[in-house]
PDB file of all heavy atoms in Angstrom:
ATOM      1  N   ASP A   1      -4.826  -8.035  -3.985  1.00  0.00           N
ATOM      2  CA  ASP A   1      -4.954  -7.513  -5.355  1.00  0.00           C
ATOM      3  C   ASP A   1      -3.790  -8.016  -6.154  1.00  0.00           C
ATOM      4  O   ASP A   1      -2.672  -7.670  -5.900  1.00  0.00           O
ATOM      5  CB  ASP A   1      -4.964  -6.015  -5.303  1.00  0.00           C
ATOM      6  CG  ASP A   1      -5.318  -5.427  -6.685  1.00  0.00           C
ATOM      7  OD1 ASP A   1      -5.311  -6.204  -7.692  1.00  0.00           O
ATOM      8  OD2 ASP A   1      -5.612  -4.230  -6.737  1.00  0.00           O
ATOM      9  N   PRO A   2      -3.985  -8.832  -7.185  1.00  0.00           N
ATOM     10  CA  PRO A   2      -2.875  -9.382  -7.908  1.00  0.00           C
ATOM     11  C   PRO A   2      -2.077  -8.344  -8.676  1.00  0.00           C
ATOM     12  O   PRO A   2      -0.926  -8.540  -9.068  1.00  0.00           O
ATOM     13  CB  PRO A   2      -3.476 -10.392  -8.913  1.00  0.00           C
ATOM     14  CG  PRO A   2      -4.898  -9.895  -9.077  1.00  0.00           C
ATOM     15  CD  PRO A   2      -5.255  -9.324  -7.761  1.00  0.00           C
ATOM     16  N   ASP A   3      -2.711  -7.175  -8.942  1.00  0.00           N
ATOM     17  CA  ASP A   3      -2.008  -6.139  -9.751  1.00  0.00           C
ATOM     18  C   ASP A   3      -1.344  -5.073  -8.819  1.00  0.00           C
ATOM     19  O   ASP A   3      -0.631  -4.236  -9.395  1.00  0.00           O
ATOM     20  CB  ASP A   3      -2.983  -5.406 -10.647  1.00  0.00           C
ATOM     21  CG  ASP A   3      -3.576  -6.351 -11.715  1.00  0.00           C
ATOM     22  OD1 ASP A   3      -2.818  -7.266 -12.086  1.00  0.00           O
ATOM     23  OD2 ASP A   3      -4.726  -6.156 -12.070  1.00  0.00           O
ATOM     24  N   GLY A   4      -1.500  -5.128  -7.549  1.00  0.00           N
ATOM     25  CA  GLY A   4      -0.931  -4.135  -6.659  1.00  0.00           C
ATOM     26  C   GLY A   4       0.222  -4.691  -5.866  1.00  0.00           C
ATOM     27  O   GLY A   4       0.117  -5.645  -5.148  1.00  0.00           O
ATOM     28  N   ALA A   5       1.371  -4.072  -6.010  1.00  0.00           N
ATOM     29  CA  ALA A   5       2.571  -4.512  -5.346  1.00  0.00           C
ATOM     30  C   ALA A   5       2.521  -3.979  -3.894  1.00  0.00           C
ATOM     31  O   ALA A   5       2.467  -2.748  -3.717  1.00  0.00           O
ATOM     32  CB  ALA A   5       3.849  -4.037  -6.034  1.00  0.00           C
ATOM     33  N   GLY A   6       2.605  -4.838  -2.916  1.00  0.00           N
ATOM     34  CA  GLY A   6       2.640  -4.381  -1.531  1.00  0.00           C
ATOM     35  C   GLY A   6       1.283  -3.907  -1.023  1.00  0.00           C
ATOM     36  O   GLY A   6       1.257  -3.173  -0.042  1.00  0.00           O
ATOM     37  N   VAL A   7       0.198  -4.267  -1.715  1.00  0.00           N
ATOM     38  CA  VAL A   7      -1.109  -3.827  -1.307  1.00  0.00           C
ATOM     39  C   VAL A   7      -1.755  -4.868  -0.364  1.00  0.00           C
ATOM     40  O   VAL A   7      -1.723  -6.022  -0.655  1.00  0.00           O
ATOM     41  CB  VAL A   7      -2.000  -3.558  -2.519  1.00  0.00           C
ATOM     42  CG1 VAL A   7      -3.400  -3.076  -2.074  1.00  0.00           C
ATOM     43  CG2 VAL A   7      -1.337  -2.536  -3.447  1.00  0.00           C
ATOM     44  N   GLY A   8      -2.363  -4.415   0.687  1.00  0.00           N
ATOM     45  CA  GLY A   8      -2.877  -5.304   1.718  1.00  0.00           C
ATOM     46  C   GLY A   8      -4.175  -5.956   1.287  1.00  0.00           C
ATOM     47  O   GLY A   8      -4.690  -5.729   0.250  1.00  0.00           O
ATOM     48  N   PRO A   9      -4.634  -6.876   2.120  1.00  0.00           N
ATOM     49  CA  PRO A   9      -5.897  -7.573   1.825  1.00  0.00           C
ATOM     50  C   PRO A   9      -7.053  -6.649   1.702  1.00  0.00           C
ATOM     51  O   PRO A   9      -7.010  -5.524   2.203  1.00  0.00           O
ATOM     52  CB  PRO A   9      -6.029  -8.538   3.035  1.00  0.00           C
ATOM     53  CG  PRO A   9      -4.667  -8.667   3.633  1.00  0.00           C
ATOM     54  CD  PRO A   9      -4.000  -7.341   3.384  1.00  0.00           C
ATOM     55  N   LYS A  10      -8.086  -7.116   1.075  1.00  0.00           N
ATOM     56  CA  LYS A  10      -9.244  -6.271   0.874  1.00  0.00           C
ATOM     57  C   LYS A  10      -9.885  -5.793   2.135  1.00  0.00           C
ATOM     58  O   LYS A  10     -10.250  -4.630   2.313  1.00  0.00           O
ATOM     59  CB  LYS A  10     -10.255  -7.036  -0.002  1.00  0.00           C
ATOM     60  CG  LYS A  10     -11.521  -6.268  -0.327  1.00  0.00           C
ATOM     61  CD  LYS A  10     -12.425  -7.099  -1.170  1.00  0.00           C
ATOM     62  CE  LYS A  10     -13.704  -6.357  -1.483  1.00  0.00           C
ATOM     63  NZ  LYS A  10     -14.628  -7.149  -2.293  1.00  0.00           N
ATOM     64  N   ALA A  11      -9.930  -6.708   3.128  1.00  0.00           N
ATOM     65  CA  ALA A  11     -10.543  -6.358   4.426  1.00  0.00           C
ATOM     66  C   ALA A  11      -9.769  -5.259   5.129  1.00  0.00           C
ATOM     67  O   ALA A  11     -10.399  -4.363   5.731  1.00  0.00           O
ATOM     68  CB  ALA A  11     -10.635  -7.626   5.315  1.00  0.00           C
ATOM     69  N   GLU A  12      -8.450  -5.343   4.980  1.00  0.00           N
ATOM     70  CA  GLU A  12      -7.648  -4.260   5.640  1.00  0.00           C
ATOM     71  C   GLU A  12      -7.758  -2.940   4.898  1.00  0.00           C
ATOM     72  O   GLU A  12      -7.725  -1.884   5.521  1.00  0.00           O
ATOM     73  CB  GLU A  12      -6.220  -4.761   5.722  1.00  0.00           C
ATOM     74  CG  GLU A  12      -6.026  -5.982   6.670  1.00  0.00           C
ATOM     75  CD  GLU A  12      -4.595  -6.353   6.788  1.00  0.00           C
ATOM     76  OE1 GLU A  12      -3.811  -6.013   5.920  1.00  0.00           O
ATOM     77  OE2 GLU A  12      -4.253  -6.946   7.786  1.00  0.00           O
ATOM     78  N   ARG A  13      -7.922  -3.020   3.593  1.00  0.00           N
ATOM     79  CA  ARG A  13      -8.096  -1.757   2.825  1.00  0.00           C
ATOM     80  C   ARG A  13      -9.410  -1.102   3.249  1.00  0.00           C
ATOM     81  O   ARG A  13      -9.532   0.124   3.363  1.00  0.00           O
ATOM     82  CB  ARG A  13      -8.068  -2.011   1.352  1.00  0.00           C
ATOM     83  CG  ARG A  13      -6.696  -2.515   0.869  1.00  0.00           C
ATOM     84  CD  ARG A  13      -6.506  -2.283  -0.651  1.00  0.00           C
ATOM     85  NE  ARG A  13      -7.636  -2.947  -1.387  1.00  0.00           N
ATOM     86  CZ  ARG A  13      -7.612  -4.196  -1.823  1.00  0.00           C
ATOM     87  NH1 ARG A  13      -6.559  -4.985  -1.515  1.00  0.00           N
ATOM     88  NH2 ARG A  13      -8.614  -4.627  -2.544  1.00  0.00           N
ATOM     89  N   GLU A  14     -10.478  -1.932   3.415  1.00  0.00           N
ATOM     90  CA  GLU A  14     -11.756  -1.408   3.870  1.00  0.00           C
ATOM     91  C   GLU A  14     -11.624  -0.816   5.237  1.00  0.00           C
ATOM     92  O   GLU A  14     -12.307   0.187   5.568  1.00  0.00           O
ATOM     93  CB  GLU A  14     -12.803  -2.491   3.789  1.00  0.00           C
ATOM     94  CG  GLU A  14     -13.138  -2.952   2.402  1.00  0.00           C
ATOM     95  CD  GLU A  14     -14.118  -4.086   2.341  1.00  0.00           C
ATOM     96  OE1 GLU A  14     -14.348  -4.609   3.466  1.00  0.00           O
ATOM     97  OE2 GLU A  14     -14.606  -4.458   1.269  1.00  0.00           O
ATOM     98  N   ALA A  15     -10.821  -1.408   6.086  1.00  0.00           N
ATOM     99  CA  ALA A  15     -10.664  -0.885   7.461  1.00  0.00           C
ATOM    100  C   ALA A  15     -10.047   0.505   7.406  1.00  0.00           C
ATOM    101  O   ALA A  15     -10.366   1.377   8.140  1.00  0.00           O
ATOM    102  CB  ALA A  15      -9.823  -1.812   8.309  1.00  0.00           C
ATOM    103  N   PHE A  16      -9.101   0.707   6.493  1.00  0.00           N
ATOM    104  CA  PHE A  16      -8.473   2.022   6.383  1.00  0.00           C
ATOM    105  C   PHE A  16      -9.506   3.018   5.856  1.00  0.00           C
ATOM    106  O   PHE A  16      -9.520   4.153   6.319  1.00  0.00           O
ATOM    107  CB  PHE A  16      -7.304   1.914   5.369  1.00  0.00           C
ATOM    108  CG  PHE A  16      -6.611   3.240   5.184  1.00  0.00           C
ATOM    109  CD1 PHE A  16      -5.634   3.679   6.086  1.00  0.00           C
ATOM    110  CD2 PHE A  16      -6.908   4.017   4.076  1.00  0.00           C
ATOM    111  CE1 PHE A  16      -5.043   4.898   5.906  1.00  0.00           C
ATOM    112  CE2 PHE A  16      -6.300   5.269   3.887  1.00  0.00           C
ATOM    113  CZ  PHE A  16      -5.343   5.661   4.783  1.00  0.00           C
ATOM    114  N   ALA A  17     -10.325   2.597   4.875  1.00  0.00           N
ATOM    115  CA  ALA A  17     -11.308   3.497   4.330  1.00  0.00           C
ATOM    116  C   ALA A  17     -12.366   3.892   5.390  1.00  0.00           C
ATOM    117  O   ALA A  17     -12.912   5.024   5.330  1.00  0.00           O
ATOM    118  CB  ALA A  17     -12.007   2.878   3.136  1.00  0.00           C
ATOM    119  N   GLU A  18     -12.621   2.993   6.380  1.00  0.00           N
ATOM    120  CA  GLU A  18     -13.581   3.340   7.422  1.00  0.00           C
ATOM    121  C   GLU A  18     -13.020   4.122   8.573  1.00  0.00           C
ATOM    122  O   GLU A  18     -13.668   4.366   9.559  1.00  0.00           O
ATOM    123  CB  GLU A  18     -14.195   2.014   7.957  1.00  0.00           C
ATOM    124  CG  GLU A  18     -15.024   1.237   6.914  1.00  0.00           C
ATOM    125  CD  GLU A  18     -15.442  -0.086   7.408  1.00  0.00           C
ATOM    126  OE1 GLU A  18     -15.046  -0.401   8.583  1.00  0.00           O
ATOM    127  OE2 GLU A  18     -16.130  -0.812   6.728  1.00  0.00           O
ATOM    128  N   GLY A  19     -11.730   4.587   8.398  1.00  0.00           N
ATOM    129  CA  GLY A  19     -11.151   5.429   9.434  1.00  0.00           C
ATOM    130  C   GLY A  19     -10.442   4.724  10.557  1.00  0.00           C
ATOM    131  O   GLY A  19     -10.318   5.273  11.617  1.00  0.00           O
ATOM    132  N   ASP A  20     -10.045   3.471  10.359  1.00  0.00           N
ATOM    133  CA  ASP A  20      -9.341   2.731  11.371  1.00  0.00           C
ATOM    134  C   ASP A  20      -7.962   2.310  10.869  1.00  0.00           C
ATOM    135  O   ASP A  20      -7.740   1.122  10.696  1.00  0.00           O
ATOM    136  CB  ASP A  20     -10.164   1.522  11.833  1.00  0.00           C
ATOM    137  CG  ASP A  20      -9.555   0.861  13.086  1.00  0.00           C
ATOM    138  OD1 ASP A  20      -8.735   1.525  13.710  1.00  0.00           O
ATOM    139  OD2 ASP A  20      -9.937  -0.281  13.371  1.00  0.00           O
ATOM    140  N   PRO A  21      -7.056   3.237  10.567  1.00  0.00           N
ATOM    141  CA  PRO A  21      -5.738   2.886  10.000  1.00  0.00           C
ATOM    142  C   PRO A  21      -4.862   2.159  11.001  1.00  0.00           C
ATOM    143  O   PRO A  21      -3.973   1.437  10.567  1.00  0.00           O
ATOM    144  CB  PRO A  21      -5.159   4.241   9.604  1.00  0.00           C
ATOM    145  CG  PRO A  21      -5.805   5.231  10.514  1.00  0.00           C
ATOM    146  CD  PRO A  21      -7.173   4.722  10.778  1.00  0.00           C
ATOM    147  N   LEU A  22      -5.143   2.234  12.340  1.00  0.00           N
ATOM    148  CA  LEU A  22      -4.254   1.604  13.298  1.00  0.00           C
ATOM    149  C   LEU A  22      -4.406   0.099  13.278  1.00  0.00           C
ATOM    150  O   LEU A  22      -3.585  -0.662  13.767  1.00  0.00           O
ATOM    151  CB  LEU A  22      -4.553   2.118  14.704  1.00  0.00           C
ATOM    152  CG  LEU A  22      -4.257   3.605  14.884  1.00  0.00           C
ATOM    153  CD1 LEU A  22      -4.570   4.030  16.320  1.00  0.00           C
ATOM    154  CD2 LEU A  22      -2.821   3.900  14.619  1.00  0.00           C
ATOM    155  N   SER A  23      -5.552  -0.373  12.667  1.00  0.00           N
ATOM    156  CA  SER A  23      -5.780  -1.824  12.671  1.00  0.00           C
ATOM    157  C   SER A  23      -5.013  -2.539  11.508  1.00  0.00           C
ATOM    158  O   SER A  23      -5.059  -3.724  11.403  1.00  0.00           O
ATOM    159  CB  SER A  23      -7.272  -2.125  12.459  1.00  0.00           C
ATOM    160  OG  SER A  23      -7.747  -1.587  11.271  1.00  0.00           O
ATOM    161  N   LEU A  24      -4.346  -1.713  10.692  1.00  0.00           N
ATOM    162  CA  LEU A  24      -3.606  -2.288   9.504  1.00  0.00           C
ATOM    163  C   LEU A  24      -2.352  -2.941   9.993  1.00  0.00           C
ATOM    164  O   LEU A  24      -1.705  -2.512  10.932  1.00  0.00           O
ATOM    165  CB  LEU A  24      -3.312  -1.202   8.483  1.00  0.00           C
ATOM    166  CG  LEU A  24      -4.499  -0.472   7.909  1.00  0.00           C
ATOM    167  CD1 LEU A  24      -4.045   0.517   6.894  1.00  0.00           C
ATOM    168  CD2 LEU A  24      -5.456  -1.448   7.249  1.00  0.00           C
TER     169      LEU A  24
END
């Protein structure tokens, strides 16, 4: 995300939303 400082890739954000935060 070009507007988010320190924000991970989209795929990793979706992984967190699906309940798999350890994969980040």
